[in-house]
C-alpha atoms as a PDB file:
ATOM      1  CA  UNK A   1      33.605   8.362   2.235  1.00  0.00           C
ATOM      2  CA  UNK A   2      34.558  12.033   2.232  1.00  0.00           C
ATOM      3  CA  UNK A   3      33.711  14.291   5.139  1.00  0.00           C
ATOM      4  CA  UNK A   4      31.262  16.198   2.918  1.00  0.00           C
ATOM      5  CA  UNK A   5      29.289  13.037   2.113  1.00  0.00           C
ATOM      6  CA  UNK A   6      29.381  11.868   5.722  1.00  0.00           C
ATOM      7  CA  UNK A   7      28.119  15.252   6.869  1.00  0.00           C
ATOM      8  CA  UNK A   8      25.166  15.005   4.448  1.00  0.00           C
ATOM      9  CA  UNK A   9      24.425  11.464   5.614  1.00  0.00           C
ATOM     10  CA  UNK A  10      24.422  12.391   9.285  1.00  0.00           C
ATOM     11  CA  UNK A  11      22.145  15.317   8.558  1.00  0.00           C
ATOM     12  CA  UNK A  12      19.801  12.731   6.964  1.00  0.00           C
ATOM     13  CA  UNK A  13      18.984  15.155   4.145  1.00  0.00           C
ATOM     14  CA  UNK A  14      18.253  12.531   1.469  1.00  0.00           C
ATOM     15  CA  UNK A  15      16.319  10.361   3.906  1.00  0.00           C
ATOM     16  CA  UNK A  16      14.100  13.248   5.006  1.00  0.00           C
ATOM     17  CA  UNK A  17      13.423  14.262   1.401  1.00  0.00           C
ATOM     18  CA  UNK A  18      12.590  10.650   0.468  1.00  0.00           C
ATOM     19  CA  UNK A  19      10.192  10.278   3.383  1.00  0.00           C
ATOM     20  CA  UNK A  20       8.533  13.673   2.798  1.00  0.00           C
ATOM     21  CA  UNK A  21       7.837  13.178  -0.912  1.00  0.00           C
ATOM     22  CA  UNK A  22       4.291  12.868  -2.210  1.00  0.00           C
ATOM     23  CA  UNK A  23       3.410   9.349  -3.320  1.00  0.00           C
ATOM     24  CA  UNK A  24       1.662   8.744  -6.631  1.00  0.00           C
ATOM     25  CA  UNK A  25      -1.570   6.764  -6.338  1.00  0.00           C
ATOM     26  CA  UNK A  26      -0.246   3.814  -8.376  1.00  0.00           C
ATOM     27  CA  UNK A  27       3.110   3.779  -6.565  1.00  0.00           C
ATOM     28  CA  UNK A  28       4.299   0.923  -4.331  1.00  0.00           C
ATOM     29  CA  UNK A  29       4.772   2.225  -0.781  1.00  0.00           C
ATOM     30  CA  UNK A  30       7.289   0.681   1.615  1.00  0.00           C
ATOM     31  CA  UNK A  31       5.438  -0.361   4.762  1.00  0.00           C
ATOM     32  CA  UNK A  32       8.206  -2.497   6.264  1.00  0.00           C
ATOM     33  CA  UNK A  33      11.981  -2.261   5.935  1.00  0.00           C
ATOM     34  CA  UNK A  34      14.917  -3.748   7.776  1.00  0.00           C
ATOM     35  CA  UNK A  35      18.186  -2.711   6.138  1.00  0.00           C
ATOM     36  CA  UNK A  36      21.643  -2.984   7.648  1.00  0.00           C
ATOM     37  CA  UNK A  37      24.929  -1.905   6.025  1.00  0.00           C
ATOM     38  CA  UNK A  38      28.337  -0.904   7.315  1.00  0.00           C
ATOM     39  CA  UNK A  39      27.282   2.735   7.456  1.00  0.00           C
ATOM     40  CA  UNK A  40      23.590   2.707   8.361  1.00  0.00           C
ATOM     41  CA  UNK A  41      20.633   0.889   9.929  1.00  0.00           C
ATOM     42  CA  UNK A  42      17.203   1.659   8.457  1.00  0.00           C
ATOM     43  CA  UNK A  43      13.902   0.480   9.912  1.00  0.00           C
ATOM     44  CA  UNK A  44      10.291   1.065   8.821  1.00  0.00           C
ATOM     45  CA  UNK A  45       7.130  -0.412  10.284  1.00  0.00           C
ATOM     46  CA  UNK A  46       3.507   0.623   9.827  1.00  0.00           C
ATOM     47  CA  UNK A  47       0.367   0.836  11.922  1.00  0.00           C
ATOM     48  CA  UNK A  48      -3.313   1.498  11.242  1.00  0.00           C
ATOM     49  CA  UNK A  49      -4.386   4.539  13.262  1.00  0.00           C
ATOM     50  CA  UNK A  50      -7.977   5.721  13.923  1.00  0.00           C
ATOM     51  CA  UNK A  51      -8.489   8.956  11.982  1.00  0.00           C
ATOM     52  CA  UNK A  52      -9.858  10.564  15.148  1.00  0.00           C
ATOM     53  CA  UNK A  53      -6.417  10.130  16.785  1.00  0.00           C
ATOM     54  CA  UNK A  54      -4.293  11.978  14.218  1.00  0.00           C
ATOM     55  CA  UNK A  55      -3.227  14.824  16.488  1.00  0.00           C
ATOM     56  CA  UNK A  56      -2.501  12.510  19.406  1.00  0.00           C
ATOM     57  CA  UNK A  57      -0.377  10.274  17.170  1.00  0.00           C
ATOM     58  CA  UNK A  58       1.622  13.200  15.776  1.00  0.00           C
ATOM     59  CA  UNK A  59       2.105  14.807  19.187  1.00  0.00           C
ATOM     60  CA  UNK A  60       4.839  12.318  20.082  1.00  0.00           C
ATOM     61  CA  UNK A  61       7.603  10.536  18.182  1.00  0.00           C
ATOM     62  CA  UNK A  62       7.204   7.130  19.790  1.00  0.00           C
ATOM     63  CA  UNK A  63       5.997   4.331  17.556  1.00  0.00           C
ATOM     64  CA  UNK A  64       2.348   3.483  18.124  1.00  0.00           C
ATOM     65  CA  UNK A  65       2.916  -0.170  17.205  1.00  0.00           C
ATOM     66  CA  UNK A  66       6.227  -1.955  17.683  1.00  0.00           C
ATOM     67  CA  UNK A  67       7.486  -4.831  15.556  1.00  0.00           C
ATOM     68  CA  UNK A  68       6.113  -8.070  16.980  1.00  0.00           C
ATOM     69  CA  UNK A  69       3.047  -6.447  18.536  1.00  0.00           C
ATOM     70  CA  UNK A  70      -0.511  -6.398  17.214  1.00  0.00           C
ATOM     71  CA  UNK A  71      -1.235 -10.034  18.058  1.00  0.00           C
ATOM     72  CA  UNK A  72      -4.170 -11.318  20.138  1.00  0.00           C
ATOM     73  CA  UNK A  73      -3.802 -10.859  23.867  1.00  0.00           C
ATOM     74  CA  UNK A  74      -5.719 -10.333  27.090  1.00  0.00           C
ATOM     75  CA  UNK A  75      -5.907  -7.770  29.871  1.00  0.00           C
ATOM     76  CA  UNK A  76      -6.883  -8.343  33.494  1.00  0.00           C
ATOM     77  CA  UNK A  77      -9.011  -5.720  35.276  1.00  0.00           C
ATOM     78  CA  UNK A  78      -9.530  -5.337  39.005  1.00  0.00           C
ATOM     79  CA  UNK A  79     -12.647  -3.396  39.950  1.00  0.00           C
ATOM     80  CA  UNK A  80     -14.376  -3.338  43.317  1.00  0.00           C
ATOM     81  CA  UNK A  81     -12.277  -6.283  44.408  1.00  0.00           C
ATOM     82  CA  UNK A  82     -13.379  -8.404  41.450  1.00  0.00           C
ATOM     83  CA  UNK A  83     -11.047  -9.582  38.747  1.00  0.00           C
ATOM     84  CA  UNK A  84     -12.113  -9.880  35.109  1.00  0.00           C
ATOM     85  CA  UNK A  85     -10.277 -10.807  31.931  1.00  0.00           C
ATOM     86  CA  UNK A  86     -10.913  -9.248  28.529  1.00  0.00           C
ATOM     87  CA  UNK A  87      -9.758 -10.655  25.194  1.00  0.00           C
ATOM     88  CA  UNK A  88      -8.141  -8.095  22.887  1.00  0.00           C
ATOM     89  CA  UNK A  89      -8.022  -8.863  19.165  1.00  0.00           C
ATOM     90  CA  UNK A  90      -4.812  -6.862  18.659  1.00  0.00           C
ATOM     91  CA  UNK A  91      -3.377  -7.082  22.150  1.00  0.00           C
ATOM     92  CA  UNK A  92      -4.379  -3.539  23.130  1.00  0.00           C
ATOM     93  CA  UNK A  93      -7.516  -1.402  23.319  1.00  0.00           C
ATOM     94  CA  UNK A  94      -6.050   1.825  21.898  1.00  0.00           C
ATOM     95  CA  UNK A  95      -7.606   1.303  18.465  1.00  0.00           C
ATOM     96  CA  UNK A  96      -4.276   0.715  16.706  1.00  0.00           C
ATOM     97  CA  UNK A  97      -4.201  -2.263  14.321  1.00  0.00           C
ATOM     98  CA  UNK A  98      -1.413  -4.023  12.405  1.00  0.00           C
ATOM     99  CA  UNK A  99      -1.221  -4.158   8.633  1.00  0.00           C
ATOM    100  CA  UNK A 100       1.979  -6.209   8.545  1.00  0.00           C
ATOM    101  CA  UNK A 101       2.548  -9.024  11.034  1.00  0.00           C
ATOM    102  CA  UNK A 102       5.957 -10.443  11.913  1.00  0.00           C
ATOM    103  CA  UNK A 103       5.599 -14.170  12.520  1.00  0.00           C
ATOM    104  CA  UNK A 104       8.211 -15.583  14.912  1.00  0.00           C
ATOM    105  CA  UNK A 105       8.576 -19.256  15.842  1.00  0.00           C
ATOM    106  CA  UNK A 106      11.502 -19.088  18.276  1.00  0.00           C
ATOM    107  CA  UNK A 107      13.998 -20.299  15.680  1.00  0.00           C
ATOM    108  CA  UNK A 108      12.312 -23.686  15.338  1.00  0.00           C
ATOM    109  CA  UNK A 109      10.704 -22.612  12.061  1.00  0.00           C
ATOM    110  CA  UNK A 110      11.613 -19.800   9.686  1.00  0.00           C
ATOM    111  CA  UNK A 111      10.238 -16.349  10.490  1.00  0.00           C
ATOM    112  CA  UNK A 112       8.160 -14.646   7.825  1.00  0.00           C
ATOM    113  CA  UNK A 113       6.099 -11.537   7.117  1.00  0.00           C
ATOM    114  CA  UNK A 114       2.328 -11.820   6.849  1.00  0.00           C
ATOM    115  CA  UNK A 115      -0.058  -9.352   5.234  1.00  0.00           C
ATOM    116  CA  UNK A 116      -3.233  -8.552   7.179  1.00  0.00           C
ATOM    117  CA  UNK A 117      -6.009 -11.048   6.449  1.00  0.00           C
ATOM    118  CA  UNK A 118      -8.611  -8.277   6.411  1.00  0.00           C
ATOM    119  CA  UNK A 119      -6.662  -6.349   3.758  1.00  0.00           C
ATOM    120  CA  UNK A 120      -6.259  -9.491   1.640  1.00  0.00           C
ATOM    121  CA  UNK A 121      -9.957 -10.333   1.819  1.00  0.00           C
ATOM    122  CA  UNK A 122     -11.030  -6.711   1.349  1.00  0.00           C
ATOM    123  CA  UNK A 123      -9.324  -6.625  -2.057  1.00  0.00           C
ATOM    124  CA  UNK A 124      -9.824 -10.348  -2.827  1.00  0.00           C
ATOM    125  CA  UNK A 125      -6.113 -10.757  -3.394  1.00  0.00           C
ATOM    126  CA  UNK A 126      -4.543 -13.875  -4.874  1.00  0.00           C
ATOM    127  CA  UNK A 127      -1.339 -14.909  -3.099  1.00  0.00           C
ATOM    128  CA  UNK A 128       1.360 -16.223  -5.407  1.00  0.00           C
ATOM    129  CA  UNK A 129       3.295 -18.307  -2.904  1.00  0.00           C
ATOM    130  CA  UNK A 130       6.268 -18.822  -5.222  1.00  0.00           C
ATOM    131  CA  UNK A 131       6.981 -15.101  -5.531  1.00  0.00           C
ATOM    132  CA  UNK A 132       5.218 -13.913  -2.351  1.00  0.00           C
ATOM    133  CA  UNK A 133       3.282 -11.378  -4.389  1.00  0.00           C
ATOM    134  CA  UNK A 134      -0.377 -10.448  -4.012  1.00  0.00           C
ATOM    135  CA  UNK A 135      -2.439 -10.017  -7.160  1.00  0.00           C
ATOM    136  CA  UNK A 136      -5.819  -8.356  -7.688  1.00  0.00           C
ATOM    137  CA  UNK A 137      -7.917  -9.569 -10.628  1.00  0.00           C
ATOM    138  CA  UNK A 138     -10.462  -7.099 -11.963  1.00  0.00           C
ATOM    139  CA  UNK A 139     -13.775  -7.866 -13.676  1.00  0.00           C
ATOM    140  CA  UNK A 140     -12.095  -7.903 -17.084  1.00  0.00           C
ATOM    141  CA  UNK A 141      -9.583 -10.539 -16.037  1.00  0.00           C
ATOM    142  CA  UNK A 142      -6.653  -8.110 -15.795  1.00  0.00           C
ATOM    143  CA  UNK A 143      -4.108  -8.772 -13.069  1.00  0.00           C
ATOM    144  CA  UNK A 144      -2.713  -5.969 -10.906  1.00  0.00           C
ATOM    145  CA  UNK A 145       0.276  -6.295  -8.583  1.00  0.00           C
ATOM    146  CA  UNK A 146      -0.846  -4.943  -5.205  1.00  0.00           C
ATOM    147  CA  UNK A 147       1.746  -6.120  -2.685  1.00  0.00           C
ATOM    148  CA  UNK A 148       5.273  -7.546  -2.661  1.00  0.00           C
ATOM    149  CA  UNK A 149       6.579  -9.292   0.431  1.00  0.00           C
ATOM    150  CA  UNK A 150      10.315  -9.925   0.787  1.00  0.00           C
ATOM    151  CA  UNK A 151      12.320 -11.089   3.825  1.00  0.00           C
ATOM    152  CA  UNK A 152      13.491  -7.561   4.660  1.00  0.00           C
ATOM    153  CA  UNK A 153      10.964  -5.396   2.850  1.00  0.00           C
ATOM    154  CA  UNK A 154       7.207  -5.156   2.205  1.00  0.00           C
ATOM    155  CA  UNK A 155       5.519  -2.854  -0.297  1.00  0.00           C
ATOM    156  CA  UNK A 156       1.841  -2.193  -1.032  1.00  0.00           C
ATOM    157  CA  UNK A 157       0.298  -0.122  -3.815  1.00  0.00           C
ATOM    158  CA  UNK A 158      -0.978   3.203  -2.516  1.00  0.00           C
ATOM    159  CA  UNK A 159      -4.359   3.132  -4.262  1.00  0.00           C
ATOM    160  CA  UNK A 160      -5.466  -0.067  -2.533  1.00  0.00           C
ATOM    161  CA  UNK A 161      -4.044   1.138   0.769  1.00  0.00           C
ATOM    162  CA  UNK A 162      -6.058   4.352   0.672  1.00  0.00           C
ATOM    163  CA  UNK A 163      -9.230   2.531  -0.421  1.00  0.00           C
ATOM    164  CA  UNK A 164      -8.877   0.208   2.580  1.00  0.00           C
ATOM    165  CA  UNK A 165      -8.246   3.166   4.895  1.00  0.00           C
ATOM    166  CA  UNK A 166     -11.367   4.889   3.580  1.00  0.00           C
ATOM    167  CA  UNK A 167     -13.740   2.150   4.734  1.00  0.00           C
ATOM    168  CA  UNK A 168     -11.791   1.573   7.959  1.00  0.00           C
ATOM    169  CA  UNK A 169     -11.883   5.332   8.738  1.00  0.00           C
ATOM    170  CA  UNK A 170      -8.190   5.119   9.560  1.00  0.00           C
ATOM    171  CA  UNK A 171      -4.819   6.562   8.564  1.00  0.00           C
ATOM    172  CA  UNK A 172      -1.696   4.514   7.951  1.00  0.00           C
ATOM    173  CA  UNK A 173       1.282   5.523  10.043  1.00  0.00           C
ATOM    174  CA  UNK A 174       4.629   4.868   8.338  1.00  0.00           C
ATOM    175  CA  UNK A 175       6.959   4.720  11.347  1.00  0.00           C
ATOM    176  CA  UNK A 176      10.667   5.107  10.657  1.00  0.00           C
ATOM    177  CA  UNK A 177      13.944   4.867  12.573  1.00  0.00           C
ATOM    178  CA  UNK A 178      17.042   5.688  10.487  1.00  0.00           C
ATOM    179  CA  UNK A 179      20.564   5.610  11.911  1.00  0.00           C
ATOM    180  CA  UNK A 180      23.700   6.778  10.104  1.00  0.00           C
ATOM    181  CA  UNK A 181      27.266   6.231  11.325  1.00  0.00           C
ATOM    182  CA  UNK A 182      30.579   7.922  10.508  1.00  0.00           C
ATOM    183  CA  UNK A 183      34.229   7.310  11.263  1.00  0.00           C
ATOM    184  CA  UNK A 184      34.692  11.081  11.476  1.00  0.00           C
ATOM    185  CA  UNK A 185      33.960  12.980  14.679  1.00  0.00           C
ATOM    186  CA  UNK A 186      31.228  15.609  14.962  1.00  0.00           C
ATOM    187  CA  UNK A 187      33.955  18.236  15.185  1.00  0.00           C
ATOM    188  CA  UNK A 188      35.546  16.997  11.942  1.00  0.00           C
ATOM    189  CA  UNK A 189      32.141  17.166  10.228  1.00  0.00           C
ATOM    190  CA  UNK A 190      31.314  20.602  11.607  1.00  0.00           C
ATOM    191  CA  UNK A 191      28.215  19.263  13.384  1.00  0.00           C
ATOM    192  CA  UNK A 192      26.931  19.998  16.882  1.00  0.00           C
ATOM    193  CA  UNK A 193      25.703  17.371  19.294  1.00  0.00           C
ATOM    194  CA  UNK A 194      21.972  17.666  19.975  1.00  0.00           C
ATOM    195  CA  UNK A 195      18.508  17.143  18.539  1.00  0.00           C
ATOM    196  CA  UNK A 196      15.765  19.043  16.750  1.00  0.00           C
ATOM    197  CA  UNK A 197      12.075  18.210  16.383  1.00  0.00           C
ATOM    198  CA  UNK A 198       9.985  19.090  13.342  1.00  0.00           C
ATOM    199  CA  UNK A 199       6.405  18.759  12.122  1.00  0.00           C
ATOM    200  CA  UNK A 200       5.329  19.125   8.502  1.00  0.00           C
ATOM    201  CA  UNK A 201       1.665  18.413   7.817  1.00  0.00           C
ATOM    202  CA  UNK A 202       1.062  14.721   8.513  1.00  0.00           C
ATOM    203  CA  UNK A 203       4.723  14.014   9.230  1.00  0.00           C
ATOM    204  CA  UNK A 204       6.765  14.543  12.385  1.00  0.00           C
ATOM    205  CA  UNK A 205      10.365  13.631  13.124  1.00  0.00           C
ATOM    206  CA  UNK A 206      13.363  14.142  15.380  1.00  0.00           C
ATOM    207  CA  UNK A 207      16.976  14.240  14.189  1.00  0.00           C
ATOM    208  CA  UNK A 208      19.708  13.711  16.750  1.00  0.00           C
ATOM    209  CA  UNK A 209      23.464  13.904  16.201  1.00  0.00           C
ATOM    210  CA  UNK A 210      25.729  12.338  18.801  1.00  0.00           C
ATOM    211  CA  UNK A 211      29.130  10.873  19.603  1.00  0.00           C
ATOM    212  CA  UNK A 212      29.717   7.142  19.286  1.00  0.00           C
ATOM    213  CA  UNK A 213      32.758   7.041  21.533  1.00  0.00           C
ATOM    214  CA  UNK A 214      34.727   4.938  19.039  1.00  0.00           C
ATOM    215  CA  UNK A 215      32.347   1.973  19.258  1.00  0.00           C
ATOM    216  CA  UNK A 216      32.898  -0.295  16.248  1.00  0.00           C
ATOM    217  CA  UNK A 217      35.324   2.259  14.758  1.00  0.00           C
ATOM    218  CA  UNK A 218      32.552   4.888  14.544  1.00  0.00           C
ATOM    219  CA  UNK A 219      33.005   8.279  16.182  1.00  0.00           C
ATOM    220  CA  UNK A 220      29.695   9.956  15.302  1.00  0.00           C
ATOM    221  CA  UNK A 221      26.137   8.980  14.501  1.00  0.00           C
ATOM    222  CA  UNK A 222      22.720  10.451  13.823  1.00  0.00           C
ATOM    223  CA  UNK A 223      19.216   9.149  14.348  1.00  0.00           C
ATOM    224  CA  UNK A 224      16.074  10.095  12.438  1.00  0.00           C
ATOM    225  CA  UNK A 225      12.972   8.967  14.319  1.00  0.00           C
ATOM    226  CA  UNK A 226       9.378   9.733  13.436  1.00  0.00           C
ATOM    227  CA  UNK A 227       6.266   8.873  11.469  1.00  0.00           C
ATOM    228  CA  UNK A 228       4.342   9.918   8.397  1.00  0.00           C
ATOM    229  CA  UNK A 229       0.591   9.445   8.059  1.00  0.00           C
ATOM    230  CA  UNK A 230      -1.101   8.388   4.827  1.00  0.00           C
ATOM    231  CA  UNK A 231      -4.676   9.602   4.531  1.00  0.00           C
ATOM    232  CA  UNK A 232      -7.629   7.611   3.129  1.00  0.00           C
ATOM    233  CA  UNK A 233      -9.419   8.235  -0.137  1.00  0.00           C
ATOM    234  CA  UNK A 234     -13.037   9.410   0.011  1.00  0.00           C
ATOM    235  CA  UNK A 235     -15.332   6.448   0.587  1.00  0.00           C
ATOM    236  CA  UNK A 236     -16.961   7.171  -2.755  1.00  0.00           C
ATOM    237  CA  UNK A 237     -13.655   6.265  -4.430  1.00  0.00           C
ATOM    238  CA  UNK A 238     -13.113   3.060  -2.466  1.00  0.00           C
ATOM    239  CA  UNK A 239     -14.696   0.819  -5.144  1.00  0.00           C
ATOM    240  CA  UNK A 240     -16.244  -1.068  -2.224  1.00  0.00           C
ATOM    241  CA  UNK A 241     -19.898  -2.004  -2.688  1.00  0.00           C
ATOM    242  CA  UNK A 242     -22.327   0.064  -0.653  1.00  0.00           C
ATOM    243  CA  UNK A 243     -19.934   2.992  -0.240  1.00  0.00           C
ATOM    244  CA  UNK A 244     -18.470   3.682  -3.679  1.00  0.00           C
ATOM    245  CA  UNK A 245     -19.947   5.639  -6.544  1.00  0.00           C
ATOM    246  CA  UNK A 246     -21.559   3.411  -9.136  1.00  0.00           C
ATOM    247  CA  UNK A 247     -19.009   2.873 -11.871  1.00  0.00           C
ATOM    248  CA  UNK A 248     -20.064   3.775 -15.364  1.00  0.00           C
ATOM    249  CA  UNK A 249     -20.009   0.782 -17.637  1.00  0.00           C
ATOM    250  CA  UNK A 250     -17.580   0.959 -20.514  1.00  0.00           C
ATOM    251  CA  UNK A 251     -18.610  -0.440 -23.869  1.00  0.00           C
ATOM    252  CA  UNK A 252     -16.255  -1.402 -26.658  1.00  0.00           C
ATOM    253  CA  UNK A 253     -16.552  -0.111 -30.223  1.00  0.00           C
ATOM    254  CA  UNK A 254     -16.549  -2.766 -32.965  1.00  0.00           C
ATOM    255  CA  UNK A 255     -16.192  -2.812 -36.726  1.00  0.00           C
ATOM    256  CA  UNK A 256     -19.576  -3.939 -38.048  1.00  0.00           C
ATOM    257  CA  UNK A 257     -19.091  -3.464 -41.786  1.00  0.00           C
ATOM    258  CA  UNK A 258     -17.816  -1.286 -44.648  1.00  0.00           C
ATOM    259  CA  UNK A 259     -19.764   1.603 -46.231  1.00  0.00           C
ATOM    260  CA  UNK A 260     -20.097   2.554 -49.920  1.00  0.00           C
ATOM    261  CA  UNK A 261     -16.863   4.566 -49.741  1.00  0.00           C
ATOM    262  CA  UNK A 262     -14.901   1.558 -48.517  1.00  0.00           C
ATOM    263  CA  UNK A 263     -14.623   2.975 -45.006  1.00  0.00           C
ATOM    264  CA  UNK A 264     -14.992   0.825 -41.917  1.00  0.00           C
ATOM    265  CA  UNK A 265     -18.261   1.288 -40.029  1.00  0.00           C
ATOM    266  CA  UNK A 266     -17.669   1.379 -36.283  1.00  0.00           C
ATOM    267  CA  UNK A 267     -20.393   1.231 -33.639  1.00  0.00           C
ATOM    268  CA  UNK A 268     -20.595   1.064 -29.854  1.00  0.00           C
ATOM    269  CA  UNK A 269     -21.705  -2.173 -28.188  1.00  0.00           C
ATOM    270  CA  UNK A 270     -23.749  -0.221 -25.604  1.00  0.00           C
ATOM    271  CA  UNK A 271     -27.284  -1.687 -25.380  1.00  0.00           C
ATOM    272  CA  UNK A 272     -28.659   1.865 -25.220  1.00  0.00           C
ATOM    273  CA  UNK A 273     -27.483   2.509 -28.785  1.00  0.00           C
ATOM    274  CA  UNK A 274     -28.540  -0.795 -30.403  1.00  0.00           C
ATOM    275  CA  UNK A 275     -31.729  -2.116 -31.898  1.00  0.00           C
ATOM    276  CA  UNK A 276     -33.380  -5.190 -30.411  1.00  0.00           C
ATOM    277  CA  UNK A 277     -36.416  -7.443 -30.971  1.00  0.00           C
ATOM    278  CA  UNK A 278     -38.661  -5.117 -28.952  1.00  0.00           C
ATOM    279  CA  UNK A 279     -38.451  -2.039 -31.181  1.00  0.00           C
ATOM    280  CA  UNK A 280     -35.667  -0.098 -29.498  1.00  0.00           C
ATOM    281  CA  UNK A 281     -33.482   2.106 -31.708  1.00  0.00           C
ATOM    282  CA  UNK A 282     -34.922   0.853 -35.013  1.00  0.00           C
ATOM    283  CA  UNK A 283     -32.503   2.933 -37.104  1.00  0.00           C
ATOM    284  CA  UNK A 284     -29.436   1.488 -35.366  1.00  0.00           C
ATOM    285  CA  UNK A 285     -27.632  -1.849 -35.882  1.00  0.00           C
ATOM    286  CA  UNK A 286     -29.221  -4.879 -34.231  1.00  0.00           C
ATOM    287  CA  UNK A 287     -27.575  -6.195 -31.068  1.00  0.00           C
ATOM    288  CA  UNK A 288     -26.902  -9.501 -32.880  1.00  0.00           C
ATOM    289  CA  UNK A 289     -24.962  -7.796 -35.677  1.00  0.00           C
ATOM    290  CA  UNK A 290     -21.766  -9.765 -36.502  1.00  0.00           C
ATOM    291  CA  UNK A 291     -18.584  -7.931 -35.497  1.00  0.00           C
ATOM    292  CA  UNK A 292     -14.944  -8.102 -36.537  1.00  0.00           C
ATOM    293  CA  UNK A 293     -11.880  -8.030 -34.319  1.00  0.00           C
ATOM    294  CA  UNK A 294      -8.313  -9.232 -34.330  1.00  0.00           C
ATOM    295  CA  UNK A 295      -7.575 -12.782 -33.243  1.00  0.00           C
ATOM    296  CA  UNK A 296      -5.124 -11.413 -30.654  1.00  0.00           C
ATOM    297  CA  UNK A 297      -8.099 -10.191 -28.604  1.00  0.00           C
ATOM    298  CA  UNK A 298      -8.696 -13.775 -27.485  1.00  0.00           C
ATOM    299  CA  UNK A 299      -5.038 -14.595 -26.782  1.00  0.00           C
ATOM    300  CA  UNK A 300      -5.249 -14.007 -23.028  1.00  0.00           C
ATOM    301  CA  UNK A 301      -8.233 -16.339 -22.766  1.00  0.00           C
ATOM    302  CA  UNK A 302      -6.409 -19.106 -24.625  1.00  0.00           C
ATOM    303  CA  UNK A 303      -3.333 -18.572 -22.455  1.00  0.00           C
ATOM    304  CA  UNK A 304      -5.271 -18.361 -19.162  1.00  0.00           C
ATOM    305  CA  UNK A 305      -8.581 -20.138 -19.703  1.00  0.00           C
ATOM    306  CA  UNK A 306      -9.214 -20.432 -15.962  1.00  0.00           C
ATOM    307  CA  UNK A 307      -7.751 -17.211 -14.640  1.00  0.00           C
ATOM    308  CA  UNK A 308      -9.333 -14.716 -17.019  1.00  0.00           C
ATOM    309  CA  UNK A 309     -12.946 -13.617 -16.973  1.00  0.00           C
ATOM    310  CA  UNK A 310     -14.765 -13.496 -20.316  1.00  0.00           C
ATOM    311  CA  UNK A 311     -15.805  -9.999 -21.327  1.00  0.00           C
ATOM    312  CA  UNK A 312     -19.531  -9.716 -21.784  1.00  0.00           C
ATOM    313  CA  UNK A 313     -19.796  -8.135 -25.176  1.00  0.00           C
ATOM    314  CA  UNK A 314     -23.303  -7.196 -26.226  1.00  0.00           C
ATOM    315  CA  UNK A 315     -22.635  -8.024 -29.872  1.00  0.00           C
ATOM    316  CA  UNK A 316     -21.923 -11.578 -30.945  1.00  0.00           C
ATOM    317  CA  UNK A 317     -18.503 -12.668 -32.215  1.00  0.00           C
ATOM    318  CA  UNK A 318     -18.169 -14.332 -35.637  1.00  0.00           C
END
């Protein structure tokens, strides 16, 4: 690489911009990353943080949950000469919880990444074990990709993350540790040894440039250490029963006939706009009016007779 490119890498400009960017609600967010190349080492790990602890979390750069932690544990207290033991669901009593768990079996069995059981059950996710993807099936039988787990990377869709955070009254801390290396010296690159700390909204980081002393042919390096918090959605937008706004039902329009001008007559299937056997809406079409639709509408039910839910149309099909 040229000295100009190495200088940009050690300043971590692209990495900072990538971490600072605003995520779109339907975007997949990286919550775990372990990436090693000849020029850099990138690490990301996440933690669920009580919303009441935001300022405390952002007041220091240390990770609030290290890889491998977040498992059940116990603590021993000594008070007034008496010893007592307390079980801790996540191994600590600081309120921090894991979203991603690193399962380690001492080399006897393969390690793997596990998605929080609570998150899976919260969204009723289906786990495709062949692809290690997590799918959410909505009331209309549509499938939505929510999480992708790979050996060195895990991603979760932001919408479902923020819905989960809303009910948990927590923030998600995306903790990062990026290291860049260069064969050029700091002097060659025009850089000065030292560090700087920064805070921007819900993100804080430290960038340090230093000398490698020729270790592994590298003469300079930089480290970007910090965390970025993702905030929850309002509870009313969580789509979780008891907290969310009641969703308005959507009704499909159907072709119910042809008028005198040869034009198709289209009408809503909403019960509020249809006639019935009890005198409602007498001037409107009856709720048992035959409807017309393309055969392709039923294709997904023929292809997935077990996986898809049947839409509950008010009008009968013929």
